[in-house]
Amino acid sequence: MATFSTSKYRLRAGGPMPVSAGTGNFVLHSFMAVTNDVTIDTCTVSLLKSTSFQGQGGSFSGATYSQLPVKTGNYFKGTEVAKDVYVEEA
């Protein structure tokens, strides 16, 4: 069973707005960024419980799992995403 960790980074921004009419130039207003730690399980037998998610007091914002085609038990591959951390843009 292998587990990998990585990070996800997303810039938070509004839609592009024209600088002045007819020039074709736009400006993008950004407001902080969001980073998440992501854990990728290639094979696991345990899934996160409801209490692991931030709405229930936990520290995860999302998870996805797929059952592996193994006849000897319930094995899953999946991705678990930690809750958002807001940071200044890099």
Protein backbone atom coordinates (compact mmCIF):
# COMPACT_ATOMS: atom_id res chain seq x y z
CA MET A 1 0.00 0.00 0.00
CA ALA A 2 1.58 3.25 -1.16
CA THR A 3 0.65 6.76 -0.07
CA PHE A 4 1.83 9.95 -1.74
CA SER A 5 1.45 13.54 -0.56
CA THR A 6 1.41 16.72 -2.60
CA SER A 7 0.00 20.25 -2.40
CA LYS A 8 -2.60 22.04 -4.48
CA TYR A 9 -2.45 25.83 -5.02
CA ARG A 10 -5.26 27.98 -6.45
CA LEU A 11 -5.33 31.74 -6.96
CA ARG A 12 -8.61 33.34 -5.90
CA ALA A 13 -9.63 36.06 -8.36
CA GLY A 14 -12.57 37.80 -9.92
CA GLY A 15 -13.28 37.89 -13.61
CA PRO A 16 -11.10 39.95 -15.97
CA MET A 17 -12.22 43.58 -16.26
CA PRO A 18 -11.36 45.94 -19.12
CA VAL A 19 -8.86 48.70 -18.26
CA SER A 20 -10.55 51.09 -20.68
CA ALA A 21 -13.10 50.60 -23.42
CA GLY A 22 -11.79 49.51 -26.81
CA THR A 23 -8.12 48.96 -25.82
CA GLY A 24 -8.31 45.19 -25.42
CA ASN A 25 -6.38 45.42 -22.13
CA PHE A 26 -7.74 43.75 -19.01
CA VAL A 27 -6.85 43.63 -15.34
CA LEU A 28 -7.41 40.71 -12.98
CA HIS A 29 -8.16 41.48 -9.32
CA SER A 30 -6.92 38.69 -7.08
CA PHE A 31 -7.59 38.21 -3.39
CA MET A 32 -5.31 35.74 -1.64
CA ALA A 33 -4.73 32.14 -2.65
CA VAL A 34 -5.81 28.76 -1.31
CA THR A 35 -3.47 25.86 -0.70
CA ASN A 36 -4.39 22.30 0.30
CA ASP A 37 -2.41 19.23 1.23
CA VAL A 38 -3.50 16.27 -0.90
CA THR A 39 -2.93 12.63 0.04
CA ILE A 40 -3.15 9.98 -2.67
CA ASP A 41 -3.66 6.38 -1.53
CA THR A 42 -3.00 3.75 -4.20
CA CYS A 43 -4.47 1.01 -2.02
CA THR A 44 -6.20 1.34 1.35
CA VAL A 45 -8.76 -0.57 3.39
CA SER A 46 -9.97 2.41 5.44
CA LEU A 47 -12.03 5.40 4.35
CA LEU A 48 -12.40 8.74 6.09
CA LYS A 49 -15.41 8.98 8.40
CA SER A 50 -17.97 11.80 8.28
CA THR A 51 -16.43 13.29 11.42
CA SER A 52 -13.12 13.72 9.53
CA PHE A 53 -14.60 16.54 7.38
CA GLN A 54 -14.57 20.21 8.32
CA GLY A 55 -18.38 20.46 8.52
CA GLN A 56 -18.25 17.87 11.32
CA GLY A 57 -15.20 19.36 13.10
CA GLY A 58 -12.52 17.47 11.15
CA SER A 59 -9.64 18.68 9.01
CA PHE A 60 -10.57 17.48 5.50
CA SER A 61 -12.56 19.33 2.81
CA GLY A 62 -13.07 16.41 0.43
CA ALA A 63 -12.22 12.85 -0.53
CA THR A 64 -12.88 10.53 -3.45
CA TYR A 65 -12.48 6.76 -3.50
CA SER A 66 -12.84 3.96 -6.04
CA GLN A 67 -13.11 0.31 -5.12
CA LEU A 68 -10.36 -1.88 -6.55
CA PRO A 69 -11.36 -5.13 -8.30
CA VAL A 70 -9.96 -7.50 -5.64
CA LYS A 71 -11.95 -10.61 -4.65
CA THR A 72 -10.33 -11.08 -1.23
CA GLY A 73 -11.70 -7.94 0.47
CA ASN A 74 -12.63 -4.28 0.20
CA TYR A 75 -9.66 -2.33 -1.13
CA PHE A 76 -9.84 1.24 -2.39
CA LYS A 77 -7.72 3.83 -4.16
CA GLY A 78 -8.46 7.41 -3.29
CA THR A 79 -7.58 11.05 -2.83
CA GLU A 80 -8.04 12.99 0.42
CA VAL A 81 -7.91 16.81 0.44
CA ALA A 82 -7.16 18.75 3.62
CA LYS A 83 -9.19 21.88 4.39
CA ASP A 84 -8.28 25.21 2.77
CA VAL A 85 -5.43 27.32 4.06
CA TYR A 86 -5.53 30.95 2.86
CA VAL A 87 -2.15 32.47 1.96
CA GLU A 88 -0.87 35.60 0.24
CA GLU A 89 -0.24 35.17 -3.49
CA ALA A 90 3.28 33.99 -4.30
